[in-house]
């Protein structure tokens, strides 16, 4: 039920989604360095939304990347198409698909990316698809937020019920277990990111009302109204200057690699 509700919500806000969300550029620097040895990068961004991270990928990796932009929401894909064309990007293809079963050839990609989207997926099935689609030695980059990190952001600290409502995020040990169940993939590294944020109370209220995070759509109308009023009181109580409310956002980047094929016994004997 939640999936259908959030899908409808994302369709409604697709035209303004990039204005509601920020793009973290630090992971792009890491990805660029990690893939620097590849002359051409055949890749997919799964759960691409309105395309803000796709544009960042093209700005970071330049002409060497050919990107498949995969999302189940046609309105988000429409916004993505307009954004990339507006910036003169041509080397992309739009694919309307669920993450668990993508129309991509086995062993065809060097890398799969997903940014702040795995909480919308059936993770075990998504990882199996990644294992099928990437080449041996290929990469899967997962950028997300842990539950514990979510509790420390401004909403988790001061917006009532936020942590209780947001049950879709994972902890690191849970992610490790999912990866272990897909033995052809192995965790190469993980990177932690921390960002200083400042906003006015009025801006925060605007973000909540316009569902800056899909978590807010898990509230019923009355719950949200009561929580929003309590949030205002909490901010006024804990911050002297409500025009400059400061906090830290945190995220994690997991870098997975598909294991190289072992040589067959006949080749070893020869």
C-alpha atoms as a PDB file:
ATOM      1  CA  UNK A   1       0.000   0.000   0.000  1.00  0.00           C
ATOM      2  CA  UNK A   2       2.785   2.412   0.927  1.00  0.00           C
ATOM      3  CA  UNK A   3       4.520   1.761  -2.421  1.00  0.00           C
ATOM      4  CA  UNK A   4       1.412   2.734  -4.427  1.00  0.00           C
ATOM      5  CA  UNK A   5       0.789   5.811  -2.273  1.00  0.00           C
ATOM      6  CA  UNK A   6       4.363   7.038  -2.637  1.00  0.00           C
ATOM      7  CA  UNK A   7       4.322   6.304  -6.383  1.00  0.00           C
ATOM      8  CA  UNK A   8       1.269   8.568  -6.752  1.00  0.00           C
ATOM      9  CA  UNK A   9       2.935  11.195  -4.585  1.00  0.00           C
ATOM     10  CA  UNK A  10       6.127  11.176  -6.679  1.00  0.00           C
ATOM     11  CA  UNK A  11       4.049  11.535  -9.850  1.00  0.00           C
ATOM     12  CA  UNK A  12       2.395  14.650  -8.437  1.00  0.00           C
ATOM     13  CA  UNK A  13       5.631  16.346  -7.368  1.00  0.00           C
ATOM     14  CA  UNK A  14       7.851  15.210 -10.254  1.00  0.00           C
ATOM     15  CA  UNK A  15       7.839  18.659 -11.876  1.00  0.00           C
ATOM     16  CA  UNK A  16       9.344  20.292  -8.757  1.00  0.00           C
ATOM     17  CA  UNK A  17      11.260  17.358  -7.252  1.00  0.00           C
ATOM     18  CA  UNK A  18      14.712  18.730  -8.094  1.00  0.00           C
ATOM     19  CA  UNK A  19      13.841  21.973  -6.298  1.00  0.00           C
ATOM     20  CA  UNK A  20      12.869  20.062  -3.171  1.00  0.00           C
ATOM     21  CA  UNK A  21      15.970  17.882  -2.999  1.00  0.00           C
ATOM     22  CA  UNK A  22      19.686  18.670  -2.992  1.00  0.00           C
ATOM     23  CA  UNK A  23      22.385  16.827  -4.929  1.00  0.00           C
ATOM     24  CA  UNK A  24      25.454  15.700  -3.003  1.00  0.00           C
ATOM     25  CA  UNK A  25      28.513  16.199  -5.196  1.00  0.00           C
ATOM     26  CA  UNK A  26      31.113  14.550  -2.924  1.00  0.00           C
ATOM     27  CA  UNK A  27      30.152  10.966  -3.935  1.00  0.00           C
ATOM     28  CA  UNK A  28      30.662  11.971  -7.573  1.00  0.00           C
ATOM     29  CA  UNK A  29      34.312  12.763  -6.893  1.00  0.00           C
ATOM     30  CA  UNK A  30      34.774   9.314  -5.353  1.00  0.00           C
ATOM     31  CA  UNK A  31      32.975   7.569  -8.232  1.00  0.00           C
ATOM     32  CA  UNK A  32      35.016   9.489 -10.804  1.00  0.00           C
ATOM     33  CA  UNK A  33      38.252   8.372  -9.156  1.00  0.00           C
ATOM     34  CA  UNK A  34      37.063   4.760  -8.857  1.00  0.00           C
ATOM     35  CA  UNK A  35      36.101   4.540 -12.545  1.00  0.00           C
ATOM     36  CA  UNK A  36      38.958   6.655 -13.888  1.00  0.00           C
ATOM     37  CA  UNK A  37      40.709   3.622 -15.439  1.00  0.00           C
ATOM     38  CA  UNK A  38      37.771   2.838 -17.742  1.00  0.00           C
ATOM     39  CA  UNK A  39      37.960   4.501 -21.194  1.00  0.00           C
ATOM     40  CA  UNK A  40      34.210   3.997 -21.768  1.00  0.00           C
ATOM     41  CA  UNK A  41      31.618   3.409 -19.054  1.00  0.00           C
ATOM     42  CA  UNK A  42      28.431   1.546 -19.935  1.00  0.00           C
ATOM     43  CA  UNK A  43      26.193   2.172 -16.940  1.00  0.00           C
ATOM     44  CA  UNK A  44      22.696   2.495 -15.490  1.00  0.00           C
ATOM     45  CA  UNK A  45      21.229   4.691 -12.781  1.00  0.00           C
ATOM     46  CA  UNK A  46      18.383   2.770 -11.146  1.00  0.00           C
ATOM     47  CA  UNK A  47      15.679   4.766  -9.402  1.00  0.00           C
ATOM     48  CA  UNK A  48      16.946   7.826 -11.258  1.00  0.00           C
ATOM     49  CA  UNK A  49      13.942  10.014 -10.485  1.00  0.00           C
ATOM     50  CA  UNK A  50      13.981  13.455 -12.078  1.00  0.00           C
ATOM     51  CA  UNK A  51      17.618  13.156 -13.113  1.00  0.00           C
ATOM     52  CA  UNK A  52      19.582  15.384 -10.754  1.00  0.00           C
ATOM     53  CA  UNK A  53      22.204  12.684 -10.071  1.00  0.00           C
ATOM     54  CA  UNK A  54      22.286  11.706 -13.734  1.00  0.00           C
ATOM     55  CA  UNK A  55      23.240  15.248 -14.665  1.00  0.00           C
ATOM     56  CA  UNK A  56      25.926  15.149 -11.960  1.00  0.00           C
ATOM     57  CA  UNK A  57      27.260  11.882 -13.406  1.00  0.00           C
ATOM     58  CA  UNK A  58      27.582  13.422 -16.860  1.00  0.00           C
ATOM     59  CA  UNK A  59      29.220  16.536 -15.423  1.00  0.00           C
ATOM     60  CA  UNK A  60      31.685  14.371 -13.491  1.00  0.00           C
ATOM     61  CA  UNK A  61      32.431  11.585 -15.988  1.00  0.00           C
ATOM     62  CA  UNK A  62      31.986  13.552 -19.197  1.00  0.00           C
ATOM     63  CA  UNK A  63      31.712  11.941 -22.597  1.00  0.00           C
ATOM     64  CA  UNK A  64      33.048   8.568 -21.469  1.00  0.00           C
ATOM     65  CA  UNK A  65      29.714   7.494 -19.919  1.00  0.00           C
ATOM     66  CA  UNK A  66      26.719   5.988 -21.722  1.00  0.00           C
ATOM     67  CA  UNK A  67      23.850   5.953 -19.244  1.00  0.00           C
ATOM     68  CA  UNK A  68      20.573   4.038 -18.997  1.00  0.00           C
ATOM     69  CA  UNK A  69      18.177   5.979 -16.764  1.00  0.00           C
ATOM     70  CA  UNK A  70      15.849   3.480 -15.071  1.00  0.00           C
ATOM     71  CA  UNK A  71      12.756   4.382 -13.064  1.00  0.00           C
ATOM     72  CA  UNK A  72       9.219   3.055 -12.650  1.00  0.00           C
ATOM     73  CA  UNK A  73       7.629   6.509 -12.611  1.00  0.00           C
ATOM     74  CA  UNK A  74       6.886   7.988 -16.070  1.00  0.00           C
ATOM     75  CA  UNK A  75       6.453  11.529 -14.744  1.00  0.00           C
ATOM     76  CA  UNK A  76       9.914  11.458 -13.167  1.00  0.00           C
ATOM     77  CA  UNK A  77      11.379  10.150 -16.423  1.00  0.00           C
ATOM     78  CA  UNK A  78       9.689  12.949 -18.328  1.00  0.00           C
ATOM     79  CA  UNK A  79      11.386  15.500 -16.074  1.00  0.00           C
ATOM     80  CA  UNK A  80      14.728  13.696 -16.436  1.00  0.00           C
ATOM     81  CA  UNK A  81      14.480  13.738 -20.220  1.00  0.00           C
ATOM     82  CA  UNK A  82      13.826  17.499 -20.241  1.00  0.00           C
ATOM     83  CA  UNK A  83      16.657  18.218 -17.792  1.00  0.00           C
ATOM     84  CA  UNK A  84      19.343  16.277 -19.642  1.00  0.00           C
ATOM     85  CA  UNK A  85      18.329  17.633 -23.051  1.00  0.00           C
ATOM     86  CA  UNK A  86      18.309  21.153 -21.617  1.00  0.00           C
ATOM     87  CA  UNK A  87      21.971  20.651 -20.658  1.00  0.00           C
ATOM     88  CA  UNK A  88      22.910  19.199 -24.036  1.00  0.00           C
ATOM     89  CA  UNK A  89      23.319  15.626 -22.791  1.00  0.00           C
ATOM     90  CA  UNK A  90      22.742  13.040 -25.519  1.00  0.00           C
ATOM     91  CA  UNK A  91      24.339   9.780 -24.375  1.00  0.00           C
ATOM     92  CA  UNK A  92      21.434   8.489 -22.295  1.00  0.00           C
ATOM     93  CA  UNK A  93      18.497   6.165 -22.754  1.00  0.00           C
ATOM     94  CA  UNK A  94      15.292   6.175 -20.709  1.00  0.00           C
ATOM     95  CA  UNK A  95      13.959   2.860 -19.415  1.00  0.00           C
ATOM     96  CA  UNK A  96      10.656   2.588 -17.539  1.00  0.00           C
ATOM     97  CA  UNK A  97      11.125  -0.439 -15.307  1.00  0.00           C
ATOM     98  CA  UNK A  98      11.051  -1.769 -11.788  1.00  0.00           C
ATOM     99  CA  UNK A  99      14.441  -2.309 -10.168  1.00  0.00           C
ATOM    100  CA  UNK A 100      13.880  -6.003  -9.623  1.00  0.00           C
ATOM    101  CA  UNK A 101      13.535  -6.928 -13.300  1.00  0.00           C
ATOM    102  CA  UNK A 102      15.227  -4.651 -15.799  1.00  0.00           C
ATOM    103  CA  UNK A 103      15.288  -5.104 -19.593  1.00  0.00           C
ATOM    104  CA  UNK A 104      19.088  -5.062 -19.737  1.00  0.00           C
ATOM    105  CA  UNK A 105      21.364  -7.774 -21.114  1.00  0.00           C
ATOM    106  CA  UNK A 106      23.318  -9.999 -18.750  1.00  0.00           C
ATOM    107  CA  UNK A 107      26.937  -8.956 -18.345  1.00  0.00           C
ATOM    108  CA  UNK A 108      26.416  -5.778 -20.356  1.00  0.00           C
ATOM    109  CA  UNK A 109      27.330  -2.955 -17.941  1.00  0.00           C
ATOM    110  CA  UNK A 110      30.469  -1.692 -16.271  1.00  0.00           C
ATOM    111  CA  UNK A 111      28.573  -0.006 -13.445  1.00  0.00           C
ATOM    112  CA  UNK A 112      25.173   0.392 -11.831  1.00  0.00           C
ATOM    113  CA  UNK A 113      24.394   3.401  -9.654  1.00  0.00           C
ATOM    114  CA  UNK A 114      21.534   4.071  -7.286  1.00  0.00           C
ATOM    115  CA  UNK A 115      21.210   7.265  -5.260  1.00  0.00           C
ATOM    116  CA  UNK A 116      18.891   7.516  -2.253  1.00  0.00           C
ATOM    117  CA  UNK A 117      16.529   4.967  -3.771  1.00  0.00           C
ATOM    118  CA  UNK A 118      17.097   1.478  -2.320  1.00  0.00           C
ATOM    119  CA  UNK A 119      14.393   2.012   0.309  1.00  0.00           C
ATOM    120  CA  UNK A 120      11.938   1.975  -2.619  1.00  0.00           C
ATOM    121  CA  UNK A 121      13.269  -1.376  -3.940  1.00  0.00           C
ATOM    122  CA  UNK A 122      12.947  -5.018  -3.032  1.00  0.00           C
ATOM    123  CA  UNK A 123      16.630  -5.062  -2.178  1.00  0.00           C
ATOM    124  CA  UNK A 124      17.402  -8.767  -2.509  1.00  0.00           C
ATOM    125  CA  UNK A 125      15.878  -8.867  -5.998  1.00  0.00           C
ATOM    126  CA  UNK A 126      17.627  -5.641  -7.007  1.00  0.00           C
ATOM    127  CA  UNK A 127      21.020  -7.031  -5.989  1.00  0.00           C
ATOM    128  CA  UNK A 128      20.380 -10.229  -7.950  1.00  0.00           C
ATOM    129  CA  UNK A 129      19.579  -8.123 -11.000  1.00  0.00           C
ATOM    130  CA  UNK A 130      22.760  -6.124 -10.523  1.00  0.00           C
ATOM    131  CA  UNK A 131      24.750  -9.350 -10.277  1.00  0.00           C
ATOM    132  CA  UNK A 132      23.208 -10.498 -13.534  1.00  0.00           C
ATOM    133  CA  UNK A 133      23.650  -7.258 -15.454  1.00  0.00           C
ATOM    134  CA  UNK A 134      27.153  -6.042 -14.564  1.00  0.00           C
ATOM    135  CA  UNK A 135      30.230  -7.552 -16.148  1.00  0.00           C
ATOM    136  CA  UNK A 136      32.682  -9.631 -14.080  1.00  0.00           C
ATOM    137  CA  UNK A 137      34.715  -7.051 -12.197  1.00  0.00           C
ATOM    138  CA  UNK A 138      31.906  -4.495 -12.685  1.00  0.00           C
ATOM    139  CA  UNK A 139      30.691  -2.078 -10.027  1.00  0.00           C
ATOM    140  CA  UNK A 140      27.507  -1.434  -8.084  1.00  0.00           C
ATOM    141  CA  UNK A 141      27.455   1.921  -6.269  1.00  0.00           C
ATOM    142  CA  UNK A 142      24.765   2.266  -3.594  1.00  0.00           C
ATOM    143  CA  UNK A 143      24.331   5.711  -2.057  1.00  0.00           C
ATOM    144  CA  UNK A 144      21.866   5.767   0.817  1.00  0.00           C
ATOM    145  CA  UNK A 145      21.234   6.702   4.426  1.00  0.00           C
ATOM    146  CA  UNK A 146      21.224   4.316   7.374  1.00  0.00           C
ATOM    147  CA  UNK A 147      18.411   4.327   9.941  1.00  0.00           C
ATOM    148  CA  UNK A 148      20.825   5.523  12.610  1.00  0.00           C
ATOM    149  CA  UNK A 149      21.948   8.365  10.337  1.00  0.00           C
ATOM    150  CA  UNK A 150      18.318   9.259   9.661  1.00  0.00           C
ATOM    151  CA  UNK A 151      17.681   9.651  13.385  1.00  0.00           C
ATOM    152  CA  UNK A 152      20.403  12.308  13.575  1.00  0.00           C
ATOM    153  CA  UNK A 153      19.155  14.611  10.803  1.00  0.00           C
ATOM    154  CA  UNK A 154      16.943  17.606  11.595  1.00  0.00           C
ATOM    155  CA  UNK A 155      13.737  15.670  10.911  1.00  0.00           C
ATOM    156  CA  UNK A 156      14.748  12.619  12.918  1.00  0.00           C
ATOM    157  CA  UNK A 157      15.689  14.778  15.905  1.00  0.00           C
ATOM    158  CA  UNK A 158      12.785  17.211  15.969  1.00  0.00           C
ATOM    159  CA  UNK A 159       9.882  16.086  13.751  1.00  0.00           C
ATOM    160  CA  UNK A 160       7.568  13.797  15.787  1.00  0.00           C
ATOM    161  CA  UNK A 161       7.004  10.246  14.493  1.00  0.00           C
ATOM    162  CA  UNK A 162       9.593  10.671  11.717  1.00  0.00           C
ATOM    163  CA  UNK A 163      11.763   7.787  12.913  1.00  0.00           C
ATOM    164  CA  UNK A 164       8.755   5.610  13.669  1.00  0.00           C
ATOM    165  CA  UNK A 165       7.247   6.190  10.233  1.00  0.00           C
ATOM    166  CA  UNK A 166      10.474   5.629   8.293  1.00  0.00           C
ATOM    167  CA  UNK A 167      10.899   1.857   8.479  1.00  0.00           C
ATOM    168  CA  UNK A 168      12.304   1.341   4.964  1.00  0.00           C
ATOM    169  CA  UNK A 169      15.919   2.258   5.646  1.00  0.00           C
ATOM    170  CA  UNK A 170      18.584  -0.278   6.620  1.00  0.00           C
ATOM    171  CA  UNK A 171      21.474  -0.501   9.028  1.00  0.00           C
ATOM    172  CA  UNK A 172      24.923  -1.470   7.781  1.00  0.00           C
ATOM    173  CA  UNK A 173      24.797  -4.998   9.211  1.00  0.00           C
ATOM    174  CA  UNK A 174      21.512  -5.587   7.360  1.00  0.00           C
ATOM    175  CA  UNK A 175      22.997  -4.372   4.088  1.00  0.00           C
ATOM    176  CA  UNK A 176      25.957  -6.688   4.595  1.00  0.00           C
ATOM    177  CA  UNK A 177      23.579  -9.617   5.046  1.00  0.00           C
ATOM    178  CA  UNK A 178      21.756  -8.829   1.792  1.00  0.00           C
ATOM    179  CA  UNK A 179      25.080  -8.645  -0.032  1.00  0.00           C
ATOM    180  CA  UNK A 180      26.175 -12.001   1.429  1.00  0.00           C
ATOM    181  CA  UNK A 181      23.013 -13.566   0.015  1.00  0.00           C
ATOM    182  CA  UNK A 182      24.175 -12.487  -3.439  1.00  0.00           C
ATOM    183  CA  UNK A 183      27.542 -14.286  -3.372  1.00  0.00           C
ATOM    184  CA  UNK A 184      28.677 -13.158  -6.820  1.00  0.00           C
ATOM    185  CA  UNK A 185      28.846  -9.605  -5.390  1.00  0.00           C
ATOM    186  CA  UNK A 186      31.323  -8.547  -2.738  1.00  0.00           C
ATOM    187  CA  UNK A 187      31.669  -5.356  -0.729  1.00  0.00           C
ATOM    188  CA  UNK A 188      34.849  -3.636  -1.842  1.00  0.00           C
ATOM    189  CA  UNK A 189      34.603  -0.511   0.305  1.00  0.00           C
ATOM    190  CA  UNK A 190      32.257   1.861   2.056  1.00  0.00           C
ATOM    191  CA  UNK A 191      32.510   5.602   2.418  1.00  0.00           C
ATOM    192  CA  UNK A 192      30.807   7.823   4.983  1.00  0.00           C
ATOM    193  CA  UNK A 193      29.735  11.367   4.133  1.00  0.00           C
ATOM    194  CA  UNK A 194      28.715  14.177   6.464  1.00  0.00           C
ATOM    195  CA  UNK A 195      27.321  17.511   5.291  1.00  0.00           C
ATOM    196  CA  UNK A 196      26.788  20.714   7.224  1.00  0.00           C
ATOM    197  CA  UNK A 197      23.301  22.077   6.515  1.00  0.00           C
ATOM    198  CA  UNK A 198      21.693  25.410   7.376  1.00  0.00           C
ATOM    199  CA  UNK A 199      18.114  26.475   6.668  1.00  0.00           C
ATOM    200  CA  UNK A 200      15.498  28.795   8.071  1.00  0.00           C
ATOM    201  CA  UNK A 201      12.513  27.428   9.940  1.00  0.00           C
ATOM    202  CA  UNK A 202      10.269  28.766   7.173  1.00  0.00           C
ATOM    203  CA  UNK A 203      12.259  26.815   4.578  1.00  0.00           C
ATOM    204  CA  UNK A 204      12.047  23.640   6.664  1.00  0.00           C
ATOM    205  CA  UNK A 205       8.287  24.054   7.024  1.00  0.00           C
ATOM    206  CA  UNK A 206       8.000  24.489   3.254  1.00  0.00           C
ATOM    207  CA  UNK A 207      10.034  21.316   2.666  1.00  0.00           C
ATOM    208  CA  UNK A 208       7.853  19.331   5.059  1.00  0.00           C
ATOM    209  CA  UNK A 209       4.597  20.590   3.529  1.00  0.00           C
ATOM    210  CA  UNK A 210       5.838  19.726   0.037  1.00  0.00           C
ATOM    211  CA  UNK A 211       7.132  16.325   1.188  1.00  0.00           C
ATOM    212  CA  UNK A 212      10.842  16.964   0.838  1.00  0.00           C
ATOM    213  CA  UNK A 213      11.223  13.344   1.974  1.00  0.00           C
ATOM    214  CA  UNK A 214       8.731  10.653   0.955  1.00  0.00           C
ATOM    215  CA  UNK A 215       8.597   9.777   4.668  1.00  0.00           C
ATOM    216  CA  UNK A 216       6.156  12.640   5.171  1.00  0.00           C
ATOM    217  CA  UNK A 217       3.693  10.891   2.902  1.00  0.00           C
ATOM    218  CA  UNK A 218       3.492   8.046   5.428  1.00  0.00           C
ATOM    219  CA  UNK A 219       1.641  10.342   7.844  1.00  0.00           C
ATOM    220  CA  UNK A 220      -2.109  10.729   7.705  1.00  0.00           C
ATOM    221  CA  UNK A 221      -3.353  14.308   7.461  1.00  0.00           C
ATOM    222  CA  UNK A 222      -4.040  14.759  11.175  1.00  0.00           C
ATOM    223  CA  UNK A 223      -0.754  13.164  12.256  1.00  0.00           C
ATOM    224  CA  UNK A 224       1.166  15.444   9.934  1.00  0.00           C
ATOM    225  CA  UNK A 225      -0.587  18.613  11.103  1.00  0.00           C
ATOM    226  CA  UNK A 226       0.028  17.832  14.778  1.00  0.00           C
ATOM    227  CA  UNK A 227       3.641  16.805  14.122  1.00  0.00           C
ATOM    228  CA  UNK A 228       4.339  19.940  12.095  1.00  0.00           C
ATOM    229  CA  UNK A 229       3.126  22.177  14.936  1.00  0.00           C
ATOM    230  CA  UNK A 230       5.290  20.269  17.422  1.00  0.00           C
ATOM    231  CA  UNK A 231       8.234  20.536  15.032  1.00  0.00           C
ATOM    232  CA  UNK A 232       7.891  24.330  14.973  1.00  0.00           C
ATOM    233  CA  UNK A 233       7.893  24.401  18.787  1.00  0.00           C
ATOM    234  CA  UNK A 234      10.907  22.064  18.948  1.00  0.00           C
ATOM    235  CA  UNK A 235      12.937  24.251  16.588  1.00  0.00           C
ATOM    236  CA  UNK A 236      12.015  27.435  18.450  1.00  0.00           C
ATOM    237  CA  UNK A 237      12.980  25.778  21.723  1.00  0.00           C
ATOM    238  CA  UNK A 238      16.331  24.359  20.563  1.00  0.00           C
ATOM    239  CA  UNK A 239      17.649  27.066  18.218  1.00  0.00           C
ATOM    240  CA  UNK A 240      18.197  30.684  19.187  1.00  0.00           C
ATOM    241  CA  UNK A 241      18.209  31.910  15.587  1.00  0.00           C
ATOM    242  CA  UNK A 242      15.454  30.182  13.602  1.00  0.00           C
ATOM    243  CA  UNK A 243      16.664  31.847  10.401  1.00  0.00           C
ATOM    244  CA  UNK A 244      19.874  29.796  10.689  1.00  0.00           C
ATOM    245  CA  UNK A 245      18.976  26.312  11.870  1.00  0.00           C
ATOM    246  CA  UNK A 246      22.073  24.111  11.580  1.00  0.00           C
ATOM    247  CA  UNK A 247      22.535  20.352  11.541  1.00  0.00           C
ATOM    248  CA  UNK A 248      24.461  17.580   9.764  1.00  0.00           C
ATOM    249  CA  UNK A 249      23.125  15.227   7.109  1.00  0.00           C
ATOM    250  CA  UNK A 250      24.852  11.857   6.815  1.00  0.00           C
ATOM    251  CA  UNK A 251      25.001   9.284   4.019  1.00  0.00           C
ATOM    252  CA  UNK A 252      26.876   6.134   3.116  1.00  0.00           C
ATOM    253  CA  UNK A 253      28.275   4.914  -0.208  1.00  0.00           C
ATOM    254  CA  UNK A 254      28.745   1.167  -0.674  1.00  0.00           C
ATOM    255  CA  UNK A 255      30.975   0.019  -3.516  1.00  0.00           C
ATOM    256  CA  UNK A 256      30.259  -3.554  -4.636  1.00  0.00           C
ATOM    257  CA  UNK A 257      32.191  -5.525  -7.243  1.00  0.00           C
ATOM    258  CA  UNK A 258      31.113  -8.550  -9.224  1.00  0.00           C
ATOM    259  CA  UNK A 259      33.601 -11.340  -8.721  1.00  0.00           C
ATOM    260  CA  UNK A 260      35.767 -12.327 -11.655  1.00  0.00           C
ATOM    261  CA  UNK A 261      35.015 -15.691 -13.189  1.00  0.00           C
ATOM    262  CA  UNK A 262      37.286 -18.477 -12.043  1.00  0.00           C
ATOM    263  CA  UNK A 263      39.060 -20.335 -14.862  1.00  0.00           C
ATOM    264  CA  UNK A 264      37.588 -23.729 -15.645  1.00  0.00           C
ATOM    265  CA  UNK A 265      39.325 -26.913 -14.475  1.00  0.00           C
ATOM    266  CA  UNK A 266      40.251 -27.806 -18.078  1.00  0.00           C
ATOM    267  CA  UNK A 267      42.038 -24.482 -18.562  1.00  0.00           C
ATOM    268  CA  UNK A 268      43.904 -24.930 -15.293  1.00  0.00           C
ATOM    269  CA  UNK A 269      45.132 -28.395 -16.384  1.00  0.00           C
ATOM    270  CA  UNK A 270      46.334 -27.089 -19.729  1.00  0.00           C
END
